[in-house]
């Protein structure tokens, strides 16, 4: 099956037909939730059954809306019949999940909890999106286990998990992308690609150059670029489809995007 086919058809591995995609970021506030909503929207538009799992939600009370609610709002899928949304744990402090759990006295979240929920969701959906908190190695429990450990546990359970990295566009992103890619490789976790979580309306030289440099740093393709303030779009479904590559269910073309945003050459200095 080609990479493009995976955007509109299903995996068939270890008894499940679902594609399982762990969505992580280079940092907090890089656009993971909007990217997760875009992935869900593109799949829903293609007629696929989609589930979104947020293992650990921090910075919200039991009654407050979290990232999962934002995904539902952006996709316009208001019921579980349209889009299944799950959370496993909520912690009130806006901190790393292990710190937030420790401060609140609430139970930690284990990889086994995630495996159980992912397996159940995969049995009834075409696409399962697991949105992490912060970056790949943010801790979820007092043993230091992370989203990477959750993804590894899902793979070890025989389910076909992949990782999608949401990155910032500007200076500083290449180092974090490379470090994340190395951490994934060390854990034998497949990196499907990179999506820019917030492409600026007026990109500078660094952003333009990074379109070529991000895939090199990641060792994986650039699979999309969501415009800044994408979460405020009037037609989010259309924007999502136009901002994601065919591998993720959209129509975005990396080569064309890089050509449109190619950097101007550096002027040669004349010798005196």
C-alpha atoms as a PDB file:
ATOM      1  CA  UNK A   1       0.000   0.000   0.000  1.00  0.00           C
ATOM      2  CA  UNK A   2       1.403   3.386  -0.972  1.00  0.00           C
ATOM      3  CA  UNK A   3       1.751   6.258   1.473  1.00  0.00           C
ATOM      4  CA  UNK A   4      -0.902   8.170  -0.438  1.00  0.00           C
ATOM      5  CA  UNK A   5      -3.330   5.265  -0.161  1.00  0.00           C
ATOM      6  CA  UNK A   6      -3.043   5.381   3.629  1.00  0.00           C
ATOM      7  CA  UNK A   7      -4.786   8.747   3.679  1.00  0.00           C
ATOM      8  CA  UNK A   8      -8.041   7.292   2.385  1.00  0.00           C
ATOM      9  CA  UNK A   9      -7.863   3.573   3.094  1.00  0.00           C
ATOM     10  CA  UNK A  10      -7.084   1.453   6.120  1.00  0.00           C
ATOM     11  CA  UNK A  11      -4.247  -0.520   7.605  1.00  0.00           C
ATOM     12  CA  UNK A  12      -4.677  -4.235   8.112  1.00  0.00           C
ATOM     13  CA  UNK A  13      -2.389  -5.384  10.887  1.00  0.00           C
ATOM     14  CA  UNK A  14      -2.776  -7.626  13.907  1.00  0.00           C
ATOM     15  CA  UNK A  15      -6.504  -7.994  13.453  1.00  0.00           C
ATOM     16  CA  UNK A  16      -7.326  -4.294  13.240  1.00  0.00           C
ATOM     17  CA  UNK A  17      -8.218  -2.262  10.160  1.00  0.00           C
ATOM     18  CA  UNK A  18      -7.599   1.063  11.883  1.00  0.00           C
ATOM     19  CA  UNK A  19      -4.795   3.487  11.309  1.00  0.00           C
ATOM     20  CA  UNK A  20      -3.430   4.619  14.691  1.00  0.00           C
ATOM     21  CA  UNK A  21      -1.623   7.941  14.673  1.00  0.00           C
ATOM     22  CA  UNK A  22       0.060   9.430  17.739  1.00  0.00           C
ATOM     23  CA  UNK A  23       0.189  13.216  17.378  1.00  0.00           C
ATOM     24  CA  UNK A  24       3.045  14.891  19.238  1.00  0.00           C
ATOM     25  CA  UNK A  25       4.723  18.266  19.010  1.00  0.00           C
ATOM     26  CA  UNK A  26       8.062  19.993  19.230  1.00  0.00           C
ATOM     27  CA  UNK A  27       6.683  21.897  22.206  1.00  0.00           C
ATOM     28  CA  UNK A  28       3.461  23.010  23.803  1.00  0.00           C
ATOM     29  CA  UNK A  29       1.270  25.454  21.845  1.00  0.00           C
ATOM     30  CA  UNK A  30       2.632  24.474  18.432  1.00  0.00           C
ATOM     31  CA  UNK A  31      -0.799  23.596  17.052  1.00  0.00           C
ATOM     32  CA  UNK A  32      -1.272  19.926  17.987  1.00  0.00           C
ATOM     33  CA  UNK A  33      -4.969  20.250  18.767  1.00  0.00           C
ATOM     34  CA  UNK A  34      -5.786  22.155  15.580  1.00  0.00           C
ATOM     35  CA  UNK A  35      -3.691  19.655  13.613  1.00  0.00           C
ATOM     36  CA  UNK A  36      -5.521  16.766  15.268  1.00  0.00           C
ATOM     37  CA  UNK A  37      -8.824  18.394  14.339  1.00  0.00           C
ATOM     38  CA  UNK A  38      -7.611  18.851  10.760  1.00  0.00           C
ATOM     39  CA  UNK A  39      -6.665  15.174  10.520  1.00  0.00           C
ATOM     40  CA  UNK A  40     -10.046  14.164  11.910  1.00  0.00           C
ATOM     41  CA  UNK A  41     -11.866  16.548   9.586  1.00  0.00           C
ATOM     42  CA  UNK A  42     -10.120  15.258   6.474  1.00  0.00           C
ATOM     43  CA  UNK A  43     -10.890  11.665   7.413  1.00  0.00           C
ATOM     44  CA  UNK A  44     -14.525  12.439   8.232  1.00  0.00           C
ATOM     45  CA  UNK A  45     -14.859  14.216   4.902  1.00  0.00           C
ATOM     46  CA  UNK A  46     -13.681  11.022   3.215  1.00  0.00           C
ATOM     47  CA  UNK A  47     -16.392   9.047   5.009  1.00  0.00           C
ATOM     48  CA  UNK A  48     -14.131   7.369   7.538  1.00  0.00           C
ATOM     49  CA  UNK A  49     -14.993   6.564  11.151  1.00  0.00           C
ATOM     50  CA  UNK A  50     -12.726   8.566  13.427  1.00  0.00           C
ATOM     51  CA  UNK A  51     -11.848   8.476  17.120  1.00  0.00           C
ATOM     52  CA  UNK A  52      -9.742  11.018  19.011  1.00  0.00           C
ATOM     53  CA  UNK A  53      -8.087  10.045  22.286  1.00  0.00           C
ATOM     54  CA  UNK A  54      -6.517  12.552  24.675  1.00  0.00           C
ATOM     55  CA  UNK A  55      -4.746  10.356  27.252  1.00  0.00           C
ATOM     56  CA  UNK A  56      -3.918  13.101  29.739  1.00  0.00           C
ATOM     57  CA  UNK A  57      -5.555  16.534  29.710  1.00  0.00           C
ATOM     58  CA  UNK A  58      -3.993  19.143  31.988  1.00  0.00           C
ATOM     59  CA  UNK A  59      -5.061  22.643  32.928  1.00  0.00           C
ATOM     60  CA  UNK A  60      -8.794  21.904  33.004  1.00  0.00           C
ATOM     61  CA  UNK A  61     -11.324  21.042  35.685  1.00  0.00           C
ATOM     62  CA  UNK A  62     -13.820  18.209  35.440  1.00  0.00           C
ATOM     63  CA  UNK A  63     -16.420  20.599  34.036  1.00  0.00           C
ATOM     64  CA  UNK A  64     -14.214  22.651  31.709  1.00  0.00           C
ATOM     65  CA  UNK A  65     -13.791  22.068  27.971  1.00  0.00           C
ATOM     66  CA  UNK A  66     -10.462  20.532  26.991  1.00  0.00           C
ATOM     67  CA  UNK A  67      -8.576  19.850  23.776  1.00  0.00           C
ATOM     68  CA  UNK A  68     -10.987  17.081  22.821  1.00  0.00           C
ATOM     69  CA  UNK A  69     -13.901  19.513  22.955  1.00  0.00           C
ATOM     70  CA  UNK A  70     -11.969  21.873  20.698  1.00  0.00           C
ATOM     71  CA  UNK A  71     -11.478  19.060  18.180  1.00  0.00           C
ATOM     72  CA  UNK A  72     -15.212  18.435  18.210  1.00  0.00           C
ATOM     73  CA  UNK A  73     -15.952  22.140  17.737  1.00  0.00           C
ATOM     74  CA  UNK A  74     -13.558  22.516  14.820  1.00  0.00           C
ATOM     75  CA  UNK A  75     -14.754  19.420  12.999  1.00  0.00           C
ATOM     76  CA  UNK A  76     -18.404  20.243  13.579  1.00  0.00           C
ATOM     77  CA  UNK A  77     -18.985  16.612  14.574  1.00  0.00           C
ATOM     78  CA  UNK A  78     -21.244  17.147  17.560  1.00  0.00           C
ATOM     79  CA  UNK A  79     -22.056  13.544  18.532  1.00  0.00           C
ATOM     80  CA  UNK A  80     -20.164  10.300  19.052  1.00  0.00           C
ATOM     81  CA  UNK A  81     -22.016   8.891  16.066  1.00  0.00           C
ATOM     82  CA  UNK A  82     -20.020  11.349  13.970  1.00  0.00           C
ATOM     83  CA  UNK A  83     -16.762  11.514  15.935  1.00  0.00           C
ATOM     84  CA  UNK A  84     -15.770   9.503  19.007  1.00  0.00           C
ATOM     85  CA  UNK A  85     -13.944  11.541  21.653  1.00  0.00           C
ATOM     86  CA  UNK A  86     -12.223  10.014  24.677  1.00  0.00           C
ATOM     87  CA  UNK A  87     -10.164  11.295  27.610  1.00  0.00           C
ATOM     88  CA  UNK A  88      -8.466   9.032  30.149  1.00  0.00           C
ATOM     89  CA  UNK A  89      -7.389  11.535  32.803  1.00  0.00           C
ATOM     90  CA  UNK A  90      -7.873  15.198  33.691  1.00  0.00           C
ATOM     91  CA  UNK A  91      -5.661  17.259  35.959  1.00  0.00           C
ATOM     92  CA  UNK A  92      -6.441  20.861  36.991  1.00  0.00           C
ATOM     93  CA  UNK A  93      -2.936  22.365  36.890  1.00  0.00           C
ATOM     94  CA  UNK A  94      -1.501  23.411  33.479  1.00  0.00           C
ATOM     95  CA  UNK A  95       1.652  21.347  33.931  1.00  0.00           C
ATOM     96  CA  UNK A  96       3.235  18.163  32.641  1.00  0.00           C
ATOM     97  CA  UNK A  97       0.846  15.250  33.326  1.00  0.00           C
ATOM     98  CA  UNK A  98       3.037  13.596  35.977  1.00  0.00           C
ATOM     99  CA  UNK A  99       3.501  16.859  37.884  1.00  0.00           C
ATOM    100  CA  UNK A 100      -0.176  17.743  37.560  1.00  0.00           C
ATOM    101  CA  UNK A 101      -1.197  14.281  38.781  1.00  0.00           C
ATOM    102  CA  UNK A 102       1.191  14.420  41.733  1.00  0.00           C
ATOM    103  CA  UNK A 103      -0.004  17.867  42.814  1.00  0.00           C
ATOM    104  CA  UNK A 104      -3.680  16.939  42.541  1.00  0.00           C
ATOM    105  CA  UNK A 105      -3.361  13.545  44.209  1.00  0.00           C
ATOM    106  CA  UNK A 106      -5.080  11.941  41.215  1.00  0.00           C
ATOM    107  CA  UNK A 107      -3.916   8.632  39.714  1.00  0.00           C
ATOM    108  CA  UNK A 108      -1.122   8.573  37.167  1.00  0.00           C
ATOM    109  CA  UNK A 109      -1.821   7.399  33.634  1.00  0.00           C
ATOM    110  CA  UNK A 110      -0.011   4.231  32.528  1.00  0.00           C
ATOM    111  CA  UNK A 111       0.831   2.964  29.028  1.00  0.00           C
ATOM    112  CA  UNK A 112      -1.422  -0.033  29.740  1.00  0.00           C
ATOM    113  CA  UNK A 113      -4.388   2.334  30.129  1.00  0.00           C
ATOM    114  CA  UNK A 114      -3.648   3.796  26.701  1.00  0.00           C
ATOM    115  CA  UNK A 115      -3.183   0.403  25.047  1.00  0.00           C
ATOM    116  CA  UNK A 116      -6.539  -0.799  26.347  1.00  0.00           C
ATOM    117  CA  UNK A 117      -8.385   2.299  25.113  1.00  0.00           C
ATOM    118  CA  UNK A 118      -6.618   2.389  21.741  1.00  0.00           C
ATOM    119  CA  UNK A 119      -7.368  -1.281  21.122  1.00  0.00           C
ATOM    120  CA  UNK A 120     -11.047  -0.743  21.885  1.00  0.00           C
ATOM    121  CA  UNK A 121     -11.260   2.320  19.635  1.00  0.00           C
ATOM    122  CA  UNK A 122      -9.331   0.653  16.820  1.00  0.00           C
ATOM    123  CA  UNK A 123     -11.843  -2.184  16.742  1.00  0.00           C
ATOM    124  CA  UNK A 124     -14.634   0.169  15.680  1.00  0.00           C
ATOM    125  CA  UNK A 125     -12.951   2.977  13.738  1.00  0.00           C
ATOM    126  CA  UNK A 126     -10.902   3.565  10.611  1.00  0.00           C
ATOM    127  CA  UNK A 127      -8.647   6.188  12.190  1.00  0.00           C
ATOM    128  CA  UNK A 128      -7.593   6.627  15.824  1.00  0.00           C
ATOM    129  CA  UNK A 129      -5.789   9.863  16.685  1.00  0.00           C
ATOM    130  CA  UNK A 130      -3.935   9.994  20.011  1.00  0.00           C
ATOM    131  CA  UNK A 131      -2.994  13.561  20.938  1.00  0.00           C
ATOM    132  CA  UNK A 132      -0.184  13.864  23.434  1.00  0.00           C
ATOM    133  CA  UNK A 133       0.542  16.628  25.936  1.00  0.00           C
ATOM    134  CA  UNK A 134       3.469  18.886  25.065  1.00  0.00           C
ATOM    135  CA  UNK A 135       6.371  17.074  23.424  1.00  0.00           C
ATOM    136  CA  UNK A 136       7.267  13.430  22.938  1.00  0.00           C
ATOM    137  CA  UNK A 137       9.155  12.919  26.208  1.00  0.00           C
ATOM    138  CA  UNK A 138       6.868  14.789  28.596  1.00  0.00           C
ATOM    139  CA  UNK A 139       6.280  12.489  31.570  1.00  0.00           C
ATOM    140  CA  UNK A 140       2.926  10.973  32.448  1.00  0.00           C
ATOM    141  CA  UNK A 141       3.768   9.087  35.656  1.00  0.00           C
ATOM    142  CA  UNK A 142       6.252   8.762  38.506  1.00  0.00           C
ATOM    143  CA  UNK A 143       8.253   6.177  36.552  1.00  0.00           C
ATOM    144  CA  UNK A 144       9.014   8.717  33.845  1.00  0.00           C
ATOM    145  CA  UNK A 145       6.943   7.063  31.136  1.00  0.00           C
ATOM    146  CA  UNK A 146       6.010   9.252  28.190  1.00  0.00           C
ATOM    147  CA  UNK A 147       3.891   9.416  25.040  1.00  0.00           C
ATOM    148  CA  UNK A 148       6.726   7.534  23.354  1.00  0.00           C
ATOM    149  CA  UNK A 149       6.289   4.713  25.865  1.00  0.00           C
ATOM    150  CA  UNK A 150       2.553   4.703  25.205  1.00  0.00           C
ATOM    151  CA  UNK A 151       3.134   4.418  21.451  1.00  0.00           C
ATOM    152  CA  UNK A 152       5.742   1.704  21.987  1.00  0.00           C
ATOM    153  CA  UNK A 153       3.312  -0.241  24.181  1.00  0.00           C
ATOM    154  CA  UNK A 154       0.624  -0.001  21.493  1.00  0.00           C
ATOM    155  CA  UNK A 155       3.067  -1.330  18.899  1.00  0.00           C
ATOM    156  CA  UNK A 156       4.192  -4.110  21.230  1.00  0.00           C
ATOM    157  CA  UNK A 157       0.532  -5.090  21.607  1.00  0.00           C
ATOM    158  CA  UNK A 158       0.461  -5.781  17.867  1.00  0.00           C
ATOM    159  CA  UNK A 159      -1.323  -2.612  16.785  1.00  0.00           C
ATOM    160  CA  UNK A 160       0.024  -0.503  13.876  1.00  0.00           C
ATOM    161  CA  UNK A 161       0.940   2.763  15.584  1.00  0.00           C
ATOM    162  CA  UNK A 162       2.690   5.662  13.850  1.00  0.00           C
ATOM    163  CA  UNK A 163       3.831   9.088  15.057  1.00  0.00           C
ATOM    164  CA  UNK A 164       3.125  12.447  13.421  1.00  0.00           C
ATOM    165  CA  UNK A 165       5.209  15.406  14.574  1.00  0.00           C
ATOM    166  CA  UNK A 166       3.676  18.886  14.688  1.00  0.00           C
ATOM    167  CA  UNK A 167       6.403  21.514  14.462  1.00  0.00           C
ATOM    168  CA  UNK A 168       6.746  25.255  14.676  1.00  0.00           C
ATOM    169  CA  UNK A 169       7.869  27.010  11.513  1.00  0.00           C
ATOM    170  CA  UNK A 170      10.654  29.347  12.585  1.00  0.00           C
ATOM    171  CA  UNK A 171      14.070  29.525  14.187  1.00  0.00           C
ATOM    172  CA  UNK A 172      14.837  26.819  16.741  1.00  0.00           C
ATOM    173  CA  UNK A 173      12.534  24.195  15.308  1.00  0.00           C
ATOM    174  CA  UNK A 174      15.172  22.189  13.415  1.00  0.00           C
ATOM    175  CA  UNK A 175      17.068  21.151  16.535  1.00  0.00           C
ATOM    176  CA  UNK A 176      13.924  20.015  18.353  1.00  0.00           C
ATOM    177  CA  UNK A 177      12.675  18.152  15.280  1.00  0.00           C
ATOM    178  CA  UNK A 178      16.022  16.350  14.968  1.00  0.00           C
ATOM    179  CA  UNK A 179      16.066  15.468  18.680  1.00  0.00           C
ATOM    180  CA  UNK A 180      12.499  14.151  18.497  1.00  0.00           C
ATOM    181  CA  UNK A 181      13.329  12.082  15.419  1.00  0.00           C
ATOM    182  CA  UNK A 182      16.350  10.589  17.193  1.00  0.00           C
ATOM    183  CA  UNK A 183      14.254   9.762  20.257  1.00  0.00           C
ATOM    184  CA  UNK A 184      11.688   8.018  18.048  1.00  0.00           C
ATOM    185  CA  UNK A 185      14.351   6.059  16.175  1.00  0.00           C
ATOM    186  CA  UNK A 186      15.951   4.944  19.450  1.00  0.00           C
ATOM    187  CA  UNK A 187      12.591   3.497  20.481  1.00  0.00           C
ATOM    188  CA  UNK A 188      11.891   1.963  17.063  1.00  0.00           C
ATOM    189  CA  UNK A 189       8.837   4.162  16.586  1.00  0.00           C
ATOM    190  CA  UNK A 190       7.903   5.047  12.989  1.00  0.00           C
ATOM    191  CA  UNK A 191       7.795   8.774  12.209  1.00  0.00           C
ATOM    192  CA  UNK A 192       5.242   9.254   9.441  1.00  0.00           C
ATOM    193  CA  UNK A 193       6.104  12.892   8.812  1.00  0.00           C
ATOM    194  CA  UNK A 194       6.048  16.483   9.986  1.00  0.00           C
ATOM    195  CA  UNK A 195       3.255  19.063   9.807  1.00  0.00           C
ATOM    196  CA  UNK A 196       3.840  22.758  10.455  1.00  0.00           C
ATOM    197  CA  UNK A 197       1.265  23.671  13.067  1.00  0.00           C
ATOM    198  CA  UNK A 198       1.060  27.404  12.350  1.00  0.00           C
ATOM    199  CA  UNK A 199       2.424  28.790   9.089  1.00  0.00           C
ATOM    200  CA  UNK A 200       2.722  32.594   9.356  1.00  0.00           C
ATOM    201  CA  UNK A 201       0.907  34.922   6.988  1.00  0.00           C
ATOM    202  CA  UNK A 202       4.192  36.728   6.360  1.00  0.00           C
ATOM    203  CA  UNK A 203       6.924  34.067   6.579  1.00  0.00           C
ATOM    204  CA  UNK A 204      10.492  35.231   7.043  1.00  0.00           C
ATOM    205  CA  UNK A 205      13.714  33.775   5.732  1.00  0.00           C
ATOM    206  CA  UNK A 206      13.949  31.104   8.458  1.00  0.00           C
ATOM    207  CA  UNK A 207      10.412  29.839   7.852  1.00  0.00           C
ATOM    208  CA  UNK A 208      10.957  29.680   4.091  1.00  0.00           C
ATOM    209  CA  UNK A 209      14.283  27.860   4.411  1.00  0.00           C
ATOM    210  CA  UNK A 210      12.809  25.442   6.942  1.00  0.00           C
ATOM    211  CA  UNK A 211      10.435  24.027   4.330  1.00  0.00           C
ATOM    212  CA  UNK A 212      13.462  22.275   2.845  1.00  0.00           C
ATOM    213  CA  UNK A 213      15.310  21.769   6.124  1.00  0.00           C
ATOM    214  CA  UNK A 214      12.503  20.230   8.204  1.00  0.00           C
ATOM    215  CA  UNK A 215      12.352  16.950   6.229  1.00  0.00           C
ATOM    216  CA  UNK A 216      16.132  16.645   6.414  1.00  0.00           C
ATOM    217  CA  UNK A 217      16.134  17.176  10.175  1.00  0.00           C
ATOM    218  CA  UNK A 218      13.274  14.727  10.686  1.00  0.00           C
ATOM    219  CA  UNK A 219      14.319  12.079   8.187  1.00  0.00           C
ATOM    220  CA  UNK A 220      10.648  12.092   7.206  1.00  0.00           C
ATOM    221  CA  UNK A 221       8.522  14.073   4.746  1.00  0.00           C
ATOM    222  CA  UNK A 222       6.789  17.377   5.310  1.00  0.00           C
ATOM    223  CA  UNK A 223       3.098  16.475   5.134  1.00  0.00           C
ATOM    224  CA  UNK A 224       1.320  19.760   5.642  1.00  0.00           C
ATOM    225  CA  UNK A 225       1.303  23.339   6.847  1.00  0.00           C
ATOM    226  CA  UNK A 226      -1.686  24.766   8.673  1.00  0.00           C
ATOM    227  CA  UNK A 227      -2.000  28.548   8.401  1.00  0.00           C
ATOM    228  CA  UNK A 228      -1.823  30.616  11.564  1.00  0.00           C
ATOM    229  CA  UNK A 229      -5.208  31.106  13.210  1.00  0.00           C
ATOM    230  CA  UNK A 230      -6.515  28.039  11.381  1.00  0.00           C
ATOM    231  CA  UNK A 231      -8.783  27.394  14.336  1.00  0.00           C
ATOM    232  CA  UNK A 232     -10.703  30.562  13.467  1.00  0.00           C
ATOM    233  CA  UNK A 233     -11.414  29.570   9.858  1.00  0.00           C
ATOM    234  CA  UNK A 234     -15.024  29.846   8.680  1.00  0.00           C
ATOM    235  CA  UNK A 235     -14.715  26.653   6.627  1.00  0.00           C
ATOM    236  CA  UNK A 236     -12.361  24.527   8.703  1.00  0.00           C
ATOM    237  CA  UNK A 237     -13.034  21.356   6.700  1.00  0.00           C
ATOM    238  CA  UNK A 238     -11.926  22.975   3.447  1.00  0.00           C
ATOM    239  CA  UNK A 239      -8.884  24.523   5.109  1.00  0.00           C
ATOM    240  CA  UNK A 240      -7.904  21.191   6.660  1.00  0.00           C
ATOM    241  CA  UNK A 241      -8.096  19.364   3.343  1.00  0.00           C
ATOM    242  CA  UNK A 242      -6.035  22.062   1.624  1.00  0.00           C
ATOM    243  CA  UNK A 243      -3.384  22.052   4.376  1.00  0.00           C
ATOM    244  CA  UNK A 244      -2.653  18.317   4.640  1.00  0.00           C
ATOM    245  CA  UNK A 245      -0.864  16.082   2.147  1.00  0.00           C
ATOM    246  CA  UNK A 246      -2.629  13.138   0.453  1.00  0.00           C
ATOM    247  CA  UNK A 247      -0.907  10.795   2.923  1.00  0.00           C
ATOM    248  CA  UNK A 248      -3.050  12.456   5.592  1.00  0.00           C
ATOM    249  CA  UNK A 249      -6.228  12.686   3.552  1.00  0.00           C
ATOM    250  CA  UNK A 250      -5.784  16.147   2.022  1.00  0.00           C
ATOM    251  CA  UNK A 251      -4.597  17.734  -1.210  1.00  0.00           C
ATOM    252  CA  UNK A 252      -1.627  19.836  -0.016  1.00  0.00           C
ATOM    253  CA  UNK A 253       1.437  19.632  -2.273  1.00  0.00           C
ATOM    254  CA  UNK A 254       4.787  20.070  -0.526  1.00  0.00           C
ATOM    255  CA  UNK A 255       6.718  20.856  -3.702  1.00  0.00           C
ATOM    256  CA  UNK A 256       4.254  23.520  -4.817  1.00  0.00           C
ATOM    257  CA  UNK A 257       4.106  25.056  -1.330  1.00  0.00           C
ATOM    258  CA  UNK A 258       7.906  25.227  -1.134  1.00  0.00           C
ATOM    259  CA  UNK A 259       8.046  26.822  -4.581  1.00  0.00           C
ATOM    260  CA  UNK A 260       5.513  29.502  -3.655  1.00  0.00           C
ATOM    261  CA  UNK A 261       7.423  30.274  -0.449  1.00  0.00           C
ATOM    262  CA  UNK A 262      10.962  29.811  -1.773  1.00  0.00           C
ATOM    263  CA  UNK A 263      13.483  32.200  -0.179  1.00  0.00           C
ATOM    264  CA  UNK A 264      15.118  34.923  -2.199  1.00  0.00           C
ATOM    265  CA  UNK A 265      18.774  34.180  -2.936  1.00  0.00           C
ATOM    266  CA  UNK A 266      21.340  35.967  -0.811  1.00  0.00           C
ATOM    267  CA  UNK A 267      22.869  38.816  -2.840  1.00  0.00           C
ATOM    268  CA  UNK A 268      26.525  38.306  -3.670  1.00  0.00           C
ATOM    269  CA  UNK A 269      28.800  40.875  -2.140  1.00  0.00           C
ATOM    270  CA  UNK A 270      31.152  42.558  -4.532  1.00  0.00           C
ATOM    271  CA  UNK A 271      34.823  42.339  -3.692  1.00  0.00           C
ATOM    272  CA  UNK A 272      36.518  45.635  -2.957  1.00  0.00           C
END
